[in-house]
Amino acid sequence: MALWPEQPGKEGLERLDETRIENAFTVFRDYENFTAFDKDKWEKSSHRLGLGELKPENVNITAEMLQITLPAGTLNGGQLETRETASLYGSYRASMKLPNAPSSITGFFLYRPPDYYYEIDIEVVNDPSGKIWFTTYAEGERSNTHETYLDFDPTKDFYEYRFDFYPGEVSFYVDGELLKTFEEGLPEEPMKLMINSWFPRWLEGITPENDRVTLVEWIKY
């Protein structure tokens, strides 16, 4: 930002003052606030994942919010993904309130098949522990991973989960706090943006006694 005594461009005019701030603002390509289901942009996944099935009927928009249900008495979940494989560099953010469904996780991530080819993941355990992983995959193998714990219960309220991916680095944030940066082993081709809740094989597989629901207020990217 600069301060001039008159309209800049006049010969001999001197700038009075200036200040420079890196990353002062971000321009998003899309802001999804889930007032309705946009079938041209999004699709509901239908396939087996982990200990159960990702079922389209478990993904709905209600009260201007995305809801991913983990149905009672099952190990099934749901997933929403962009129809186009068009996302690479940018800032990806979601406001989510997680369900209290031990041994399930919620993921917010970029993905390009086949499995492990290219991927950037935020994965959070759906319980009060706050356990979270940041992971990348490149050229068919896991290239980076970091496990840590949030200092709050992610099932109690909405929090912003975010990763910024630019050439040479990907940085992970929760509620604006930088938690991890990776600078190598990063994807190089466009991916789909996805969000899901499901039961992985490497956790206990505890079926919920009642329906548990992941709530998503919005996604920006």
C-alpha atoms as a PDB file:
ATOM      1  CA  MET A   1       0.000   0.000   0.000  1.00  0.00           C
ATOM      2  CA  ALA A   2       1.314   3.424  -0.898  1.00  0.00           C
ATOM      3  CA  LEU A   3       0.324   7.023  -0.089  1.00  0.00           C
ATOM      4  CA  TRP A   4       0.621   9.719  -2.769  1.00  0.00           C
ATOM      5  CA  PRO A   5      -0.148  13.467  -2.581  1.00  0.00           C
ATOM      6  CA  GLU A   6      -1.954  13.265  -5.929  1.00  0.00           C
ATOM      7  CA  GLN A   7      -2.955  10.709  -8.563  1.00  0.00           C
ATOM      8  CA  PRO A   8       0.188   8.575  -9.241  1.00  0.00           C
ATOM      9  CA  GLY A   9       1.833   8.975 -12.632  1.00  0.00           C
ATOM     10  CA  LYS A  10       2.500  12.701 -12.719  1.00  0.00           C
ATOM     11  CA  GLU A  11       6.111  13.521 -13.598  1.00  0.00           C
ATOM     12  CA  GLY A  12       8.217  14.398 -10.555  1.00  0.00           C
ATOM     13  CA  LEU A  13       5.571  13.256  -8.071  1.00  0.00           C
ATOM     14  CA  GLU A  14       7.089  11.594  -5.006  1.00  0.00           C
ATOM     15  CA  ARG A  15       5.503   8.847  -2.938  1.00  0.00           C
ATOM     16  CA  LEU A  16       4.862   9.982   0.646  1.00  0.00           C
ATOM     17  CA  ASP A  17       4.947   6.568   2.321  1.00  0.00           C
ATOM     18  CA  GLU A  18       4.441   2.853   1.709  1.00  0.00           C
ATOM     19  CA  THR A  19       4.105  -0.442   3.565  1.00  0.00           C
ATOM     20  CA  ARG A  20       4.456  -3.991   2.345  1.00  0.00           C
ATOM     21  CA  ILE A  21       2.718  -7.024   3.854  1.00  0.00           C
ATOM     22  CA  GLU A  22       3.211 -10.531   2.507  1.00  0.00           C
ATOM     23  CA  ASN A  23       0.100 -12.728   2.153  1.00  0.00           C
ATOM     24  CA  ALA A  24      -2.177  -9.788   2.983  1.00  0.00           C
ATOM     25  CA  PHE A  25      -5.200 -11.417   1.328  1.00  0.00           C
ATOM     26  CA  THR A  26      -6.309 -14.567  -0.481  1.00  0.00           C
ATOM     27  CA  VAL A  27      -8.550 -14.816  -3.540  1.00  0.00           C
ATOM     28  CA  PHE A  28     -10.677 -17.992  -3.619  1.00  0.00           C
ATOM     29  CA  ARG A  29     -11.891 -19.656  -6.795  1.00  0.00           C
ATOM     30  CA  ASP A  30     -14.966 -21.008  -5.057  1.00  0.00           C
ATOM     31  CA  TYR A  31     -16.930 -20.624  -1.837  1.00  0.00           C
ATOM     32  CA  GLU A  32     -19.378 -23.462  -1.156  1.00  0.00           C
ATOM     33  CA  ASN A  33     -21.831 -22.613   1.636  1.00  0.00           C
ATOM     34  CA  PHE A  34     -24.131 -25.585   0.949  1.00  0.00           C
ATOM     35  CA  THR A  35     -27.406 -23.757   0.434  1.00  0.00           C
ATOM     36  CA  ALA A  36     -28.200 -26.491  -2.104  1.00  0.00           C
ATOM     37  CA  PHE A  37     -26.529 -29.490  -3.710  1.00  0.00           C
ATOM     38  CA  ASP A  38     -24.699 -28.415  -6.883  1.00  0.00           C
ATOM     39  CA  LYS A  39     -24.656 -31.622  -8.918  1.00  0.00           C
ATOM     40  CA  ASP A  40     -22.589 -29.970 -11.647  1.00  0.00           C
ATOM     41  CA  LYS A  41     -19.732 -29.324  -9.197  1.00  0.00           C
ATOM     42  CA  TRP A  42     -20.025 -32.169  -6.658  1.00  0.00           C
ATOM     43  CA  GLU A  43     -20.730 -35.886  -6.631  1.00  0.00           C
ATOM     44  CA  LYS A  44     -21.419 -38.354  -3.830  1.00  0.00           C
ATOM     45  CA  SER A  45     -19.017 -41.297  -3.735  1.00  0.00           C
ATOM     46  CA  SER A  46     -20.180 -44.916  -3.748  1.00  0.00           C
ATOM     47  CA  HIS A  47     -17.554 -47.577  -3.065  1.00  0.00           C
ATOM     48  CA  ARG A  48     -15.965 -49.609  -0.295  1.00  0.00           C
ATOM     49  CA  LEU A  49     -13.460 -47.866   1.941  1.00  0.00           C
ATOM     50  CA  GLY A  50     -11.854 -49.305   5.053  1.00  0.00           C
ATOM     51  CA  LEU A  51     -14.259 -51.370   7.139  1.00  0.00           C
ATOM     52  CA  GLY A  52     -17.433 -50.215   5.423  1.00  0.00           C
ATOM     53  CA  GLU A  53     -19.093 -48.604   2.427  1.00  0.00           C
ATOM     54  CA  LEU A  54     -19.251 -44.975   1.349  1.00  0.00           C
ATOM     55  CA  LYS A  55     -22.942 -44.577   0.561  1.00  0.00           C
ATOM     56  CA  PRO A  56     -24.518 -41.602  -1.280  1.00  0.00           C
ATOM     57  CA  GLU A  57     -27.547 -41.605   1.039  1.00  0.00           C
ATOM     58  CA  ASN A  58     -25.207 -40.726   3.926  1.00  0.00           C
ATOM     59  CA  VAL A  59     -24.305 -37.380   2.300  1.00  0.00           C
ATOM     60  CA  ASN A  60     -26.971 -34.664   2.459  1.00  0.00           C
ATOM     61  CA  ILE A  61     -27.457 -30.919   2.696  1.00  0.00           C
ATOM     62  CA  THR A  62     -29.786 -29.839   5.494  1.00  0.00           C
ATOM     63  CA  ALA A  63     -30.239 -26.413   7.105  1.00  0.00           C
ATOM     64  CA  GLU A  64     -27.625 -24.952   4.731  1.00  0.00           C
ATOM     65  CA  MET A  65     -24.988 -27.373   5.952  1.00  0.00           C
ATOM     66  CA  LEU A  66     -23.307 -30.475   4.552  1.00  0.00           C
ATOM     67  CA  GLN A  67     -24.046 -33.510   6.715  1.00  0.00           C
ATOM     68  CA  ILE A  68     -22.115 -36.785   6.441  1.00  0.00           C
ATOM     69  CA  THR A  69     -23.814 -39.491   8.504  1.00  0.00           C
ATOM     70  CA  LEU A  70     -22.196 -42.492  10.156  1.00  0.00           C
ATOM     71  CA  PRO A  71     -25.332 -44.644  10.593  1.00  0.00           C
ATOM     72  CA  ALA A  72     -26.027 -46.460  13.848  1.00  0.00           C
ATOM     73  CA  GLY A  73     -25.063 -50.136  13.934  1.00  0.00           C
ATOM     74  CA  THR A  74     -22.870 -49.971  10.798  1.00  0.00           C
ATOM     75  CA  LEU A  75     -19.323 -49.130   9.773  1.00  0.00           C
ATOM     76  CA  ASN A  76     -20.495 -47.164   6.743  1.00  0.00           C
ATOM     77  CA  GLY A  77     -19.789 -43.530   5.974  1.00  0.00           C
ATOM     78  CA  GLY A  78     -19.975 -40.963   3.209  1.00  0.00           C
ATOM     79  CA  GLN A  79     -17.851 -38.850   0.904  1.00  0.00           C
ATOM     80  CA  LEU A  80     -18.308 -35.754  -1.242  1.00  0.00           C
ATOM     81  CA  GLU A  81     -15.891 -35.025  -4.084  1.00  0.00           C
ATOM     82  CA  THR A  82     -15.542 -32.517  -6.892  1.00  0.00           C
ATOM     83  CA  ARG A  83     -16.501 -33.851 -10.306  1.00  0.00           C
ATOM     84  CA  GLU A  84     -13.452 -32.335 -11.965  1.00  0.00           C
ATOM     85  CA  THR A  85      -9.809 -33.208 -11.331  1.00  0.00           C
ATOM     86  CA  ALA A  86      -8.773 -29.588 -11.520  1.00  0.00           C
ATOM     87  CA  SER A  87      -7.239 -28.521  -8.193  1.00  0.00           C
ATOM     88  CA  LEU A  88      -3.526 -27.991  -7.665  1.00  0.00           C
ATOM     89  CA  TYR A  89      -2.080 -24.870  -6.001  1.00  0.00           C
ATOM     90  CA  GLY A  90      -4.121 -22.736  -3.646  1.00  0.00           C
ATOM     91  CA  SER A  91      -5.572 -22.462  -0.149  1.00  0.00           C
ATOM     92  CA  TYR A  92      -8.154 -25.102   0.849  1.00  0.00           C
ATOM     93  CA  ARG A  93     -10.334 -24.501   3.916  1.00  0.00           C
ATOM     94  CA  ALA A  94     -13.334 -26.151   5.573  1.00  0.00           C
ATOM     95  CA  SER A  95     -15.325 -25.262   8.676  1.00  0.00           C
ATOM     96  CA  MET A  96     -16.266 -28.559  10.344  1.00  0.00           C
ATOM     97  CA  LYS A  97     -17.741 -29.932  13.546  1.00  0.00           C
ATOM     98  CA  LEU A  98     -16.787 -33.586  13.951  1.00  0.00           C
ATOM     99  CA  PRO A  99     -18.974 -36.390  15.312  1.00  0.00           C
ATOM    100  CA  ASN A 100     -18.163 -38.261  18.500  1.00  0.00           C
ATOM    101  CA  ALA A 101     -17.755 -41.630  16.781  1.00  0.00           C
ATOM    102  CA  PRO A 102     -14.629 -43.364  18.140  1.00  0.00           C
ATOM    103  CA  SER A 103     -12.545 -45.372  15.609  1.00  0.00           C
ATOM    104  CA  SER A 104     -13.799 -43.299  12.665  1.00  0.00           C
ATOM    105  CA  ILE A 105     -12.025 -40.362  11.035  1.00  0.00           C
ATOM    106  CA  THR A 106     -12.919 -37.319   8.966  1.00  0.00           C
ATOM    107  CA  GLY A 107     -10.723 -36.356   6.025  1.00  0.00           C
ATOM    108  CA  PHE A 108     -10.387 -33.111   4.064  1.00  0.00           C
ATOM    109  CA  PHE A 109      -8.010 -33.664   1.179  1.00  0.00           C
ATOM    110  CA  LEU A 110      -6.869 -33.511  -2.435  1.00  0.00           C
ATOM    111  CA  TYR A 111      -6.661 -36.842  -4.251  1.00  0.00           C
ATOM    112  CA  ARG A 112      -5.725 -38.197  -7.663  1.00  0.00           C
ATOM    113  CA  PRO A 113      -6.142 -41.925  -8.365  1.00  0.00           C
ATOM    114  CA  PRO A 114      -4.880 -44.571  -8.228  1.00  0.00           C
ATOM    115  CA  ASP A 115      -4.396 -44.885  -4.464  1.00  0.00           C
ATOM    116  CA  TYR A 116      -1.186 -43.281  -3.158  1.00  0.00           C
ATOM    117  CA  TYR A 117      -0.441 -41.642  -6.518  1.00  0.00           C
ATOM    118  CA  TYR A 118      -0.958 -38.008  -5.482  1.00  0.00           C
ATOM    119  CA  GLU A 119      -2.676 -36.872  -2.289  1.00  0.00           C
ATOM    120  CA  ILE A 120      -2.618 -34.166   0.411  1.00  0.00           C
ATOM    121  CA  ASP A 121      -4.540 -35.100   3.578  1.00  0.00           C
ATOM    122  CA  ILE A 122      -5.884 -33.651   6.776  1.00  0.00           C
ATOM    123  CA  GLU A 123      -7.348 -36.532   8.812  1.00  0.00           C
ATOM    124  CA  VAL A 124      -8.879 -36.109  12.278  1.00  0.00           C
ATOM    125  CA  VAL A 125     -10.069 -38.847  14.633  1.00  0.00           C
ATOM    126  CA  ASN A 126     -13.784 -38.424  15.376  1.00  0.00           C
ATOM    127  CA  ASP A 127     -13.571 -38.288  19.154  1.00  0.00           C
ATOM    128  CA  PRO A 128     -12.623 -35.737  21.848  1.00  0.00           C
ATOM    129  CA  SER A 129      -8.890 -36.633  21.740  1.00  0.00           C
ATOM    130  CA  GLY A 130      -8.013 -34.111  19.009  1.00  0.00           C
ATOM    131  CA  LYS A 131      -5.674 -36.571  17.282  1.00  0.00           C
ATOM    132  CA  ILE A 132      -4.858 -35.362  13.767  1.00  0.00           C
ATOM    133  CA  TRP A 133      -2.590 -36.359  10.873  1.00  0.00           C
ATOM    134  CA  PHE A 134      -1.125 -34.336   8.007  1.00  0.00           C
ATOM    135  CA  THR A 135       0.053 -36.529   5.121  1.00  0.00           C
ATOM    136  CA  THR A 136       1.178 -36.344   1.499  1.00  0.00           C
ATOM    137  CA  TYR A 137       1.547 -38.993  -1.188  1.00  0.00           C
ATOM    138  CA  ALA A 138       3.564 -38.625  -4.390  1.00  0.00           C
ATOM    139  CA  GLU A 139       4.219 -40.992  -7.277  1.00  0.00           C
ATOM    140  CA  GLY A 140       2.694 -44.017  -5.561  1.00  0.00           C
ATOM    141  CA  GLU A 141       4.084 -43.774  -2.030  1.00  0.00           C
ATOM    142  CA  ARG A 142       3.609 -41.859   1.201  1.00  0.00           C
ATOM    143  CA  SER A 143       6.132 -39.048   1.119  1.00  0.00           C
ATOM    144  CA  ASN A 144       5.391 -37.140   4.362  1.00  0.00           C
ATOM    145  CA  THR A 145       3.329 -37.653   7.513  1.00  0.00           C
ATOM    146  CA  HIS A 146       2.975 -35.871  10.847  1.00  0.00           C
ATOM    147  CA  GLU A 147       0.835 -36.815  13.847  1.00  0.00           C
ATOM    148  CA  THR A 148      -0.130 -34.374  16.578  1.00  0.00           C
ATOM    149  CA  TYR A 149      -2.964 -33.444  18.962  1.00  0.00           C
ATOM    150  CA  LEU A 150      -5.199 -30.396  18.908  1.00  0.00           C
ATOM    151  CA  ASP A 151      -5.615 -28.483  22.162  1.00  0.00           C
ATOM    152  CA  PHE A 152      -9.418 -28.654  21.937  1.00  0.00           C
ATOM    153  CA  ASP A 153     -12.225 -31.176  21.465  1.00  0.00           C
ATOM    154  CA  PRO A 154     -13.105 -31.106  17.726  1.00  0.00           C
ATOM    155  CA  THR A 155     -16.534 -32.666  18.416  1.00  0.00           C
ATOM    156  CA  LYS A 156     -17.715 -29.675  20.477  1.00  0.00           C
ATOM    157  CA  ASP A 157     -17.749 -26.871  17.915  1.00  0.00           C
ATOM    158  CA  PHE A 158     -16.866 -25.733  14.402  1.00  0.00           C
ATOM    159  CA  TYR A 159     -13.193 -25.161  13.580  1.00  0.00           C
ATOM    160  CA  GLU A 160     -11.398 -24.211  10.382  1.00  0.00           C
ATOM    161  CA  TYR A 161      -9.163 -26.933   8.886  1.00  0.00           C
ATOM    162  CA  ARG A 162      -6.860 -25.624   6.169  1.00  0.00           C
ATOM    163  CA  PHE A 163      -3.901 -26.445   3.971  1.00  0.00           C
ATOM    164  CA  ASP A 164      -2.064 -24.041   1.650  1.00  0.00           C
ATOM    165  CA  PHE A 165      -0.351 -25.716  -1.279  1.00  0.00           C
ATOM    166  CA  TYR A 166       2.076 -23.721  -3.401  1.00  0.00           C
ATOM    167  CA  PRO A 167       5.104 -24.698  -5.505  1.00  0.00           C
ATOM    168  CA  GLY A 168       7.674 -26.239  -3.162  1.00  0.00           C
ATOM    169  CA  GLU A 169       5.601 -26.382   0.035  1.00  0.00           C
ATOM    170  CA  VAL A 170       2.331 -27.357   1.684  1.00  0.00           C
ATOM    171  CA  SER A 171       1.406 -25.901   5.081  1.00  0.00           C
ATOM    172  CA  PHE A 172      -1.326 -27.155   7.425  1.00  0.00           C
ATOM    173  CA  TYR A 173      -3.367 -24.963   9.771  1.00  0.00           C
ATOM    174  CA  VAL A 174      -6.179 -25.417  12.289  1.00  0.00           C
ATOM    175  CA  ASP A 175      -8.126 -22.293  13.260  1.00  0.00           C
ATOM    176  CA  GLY A 176      -5.394 -20.153  11.710  1.00  0.00           C
ATOM    177  CA  GLU A 177      -2.519 -21.724  13.646  1.00  0.00           C
ATOM    178  CA  LEU A 178       0.301 -23.154  11.535  1.00  0.00           C
ATOM    179  CA  LEU A 179       0.970 -26.727  12.695  1.00  0.00           C
ATOM    180  CA  LYS A 180       3.193 -28.270   9.998  1.00  0.00           C
ATOM    181  CA  THR A 181       4.935 -27.547   6.677  1.00  0.00           C
ATOM    182  CA  PHE A 182       6.342 -30.051   4.156  1.00  0.00           C
ATOM    183  CA  GLU A 183       8.756 -28.888   1.445  1.00  0.00           C
ATOM    184  CA  GLU A 184       9.447 -32.036  -0.580  1.00  0.00           C
ATOM    185  CA  GLY A 185       7.661 -35.139  -1.857  1.00  0.00           C
ATOM    186  CA  LEU A 186       4.664 -33.104  -3.049  1.00  0.00           C
ATOM    187  CA  PRO A 187       2.058 -33.781  -5.770  1.00  0.00           C
ATOM    188  CA  GLU A 188       2.693 -32.389  -9.229  1.00  0.00           C
ATOM    189  CA  GLU A 189      -0.631 -32.909 -11.033  1.00  0.00           C
ATOM    190  CA  PRO A 190      -4.202 -31.617 -10.488  1.00  0.00           C
ATOM    191  CA  MET A 191      -6.392 -33.537  -8.049  1.00  0.00           C
ATOM    192  CA  LYS A 192      -9.989 -33.751  -6.822  1.00  0.00           C
ATOM    193  CA  LEU A 193     -11.031 -32.015  -3.617  1.00  0.00           C
ATOM    194  CA  MET A 194     -12.775 -34.424  -1.224  1.00  0.00           C
ATOM    195  CA  ILE A 195     -14.276 -34.585   2.254  1.00  0.00           C
ATOM    196  CA  ASN A 196     -15.331 -37.784   4.015  1.00  0.00           C
ATOM    197  CA  SER A 197     -16.083 -39.586   7.285  1.00  0.00           C
ATOM    198  CA  TRP A 198     -15.368 -43.322   7.492  1.00  0.00           C
ATOM    199  CA  PHE A 199     -13.963 -46.256   9.495  1.00  0.00           C
ATOM    200  CA  PRO A 200     -10.370 -47.214   8.563  1.00  0.00           C
ATOM    201  CA  ARG A 201      -9.025 -50.745   8.983  1.00  0.00           C
ATOM    202  CA  TRP A 202      -6.242 -49.551  11.280  1.00  0.00           C
ATOM    203  CA  LEU A 203      -8.657 -48.448  14.040  1.00  0.00           C
ATOM    204  CA  GLU A 204     -10.877 -50.614  16.241  1.00  0.00           C
ATOM    205  CA  GLY A 205     -14.073 -50.555  14.178  1.00  0.00           C
ATOM    206  CA  ILE A 206     -16.533 -49.576  16.918  1.00  0.00           C
ATOM    207  CA  THR A 207     -20.050 -49.297  15.489  1.00  0.00           C
ATOM    208  CA  PRO A 208     -21.951 -46.237  16.782  1.00  0.00           C
ATOM    209  CA  GLU A 209     -25.069 -46.908  18.871  1.00  0.00           C
ATOM    210  CA  ASN A 210     -26.783 -43.854  17.366  1.00  0.00           C
ATOM    211  CA  ASP A 211     -26.368 -41.969  14.101  1.00  0.00           C
ATOM    212  CA  ARG A 212     -23.319 -39.699  14.251  1.00  0.00           C
ATOM    213  CA  VAL A 213     -23.017 -36.742  11.883  1.00  0.00           C
ATOM    214  CA  THR A 214     -20.132 -34.655  10.543  1.00  0.00           C
ATOM    215  CA  LEU A 215     -21.285 -31.061   9.965  1.00  0.00           C
ATOM    216  CA  VAL A 216     -19.615 -28.807   7.388  1.00  0.00           C
ATOM    217  CA  GLU A 217     -20.569 -25.118   7.284  1.00  0.00           C
ATOM    218  CA  TRP A 218     -18.530 -24.198   4.237  1.00  0.00           C
ATOM    219  CA  ILE A 219     -15.596 -25.025   2.001  1.00  0.00           C
ATOM    220  CA  LYS A 220     -13.357 -22.383   0.358  1.00  0.00           C
ATOM    221  CA  TYR A 221     -10.687 -22.997  -2.248  1.00  0.00           C
END
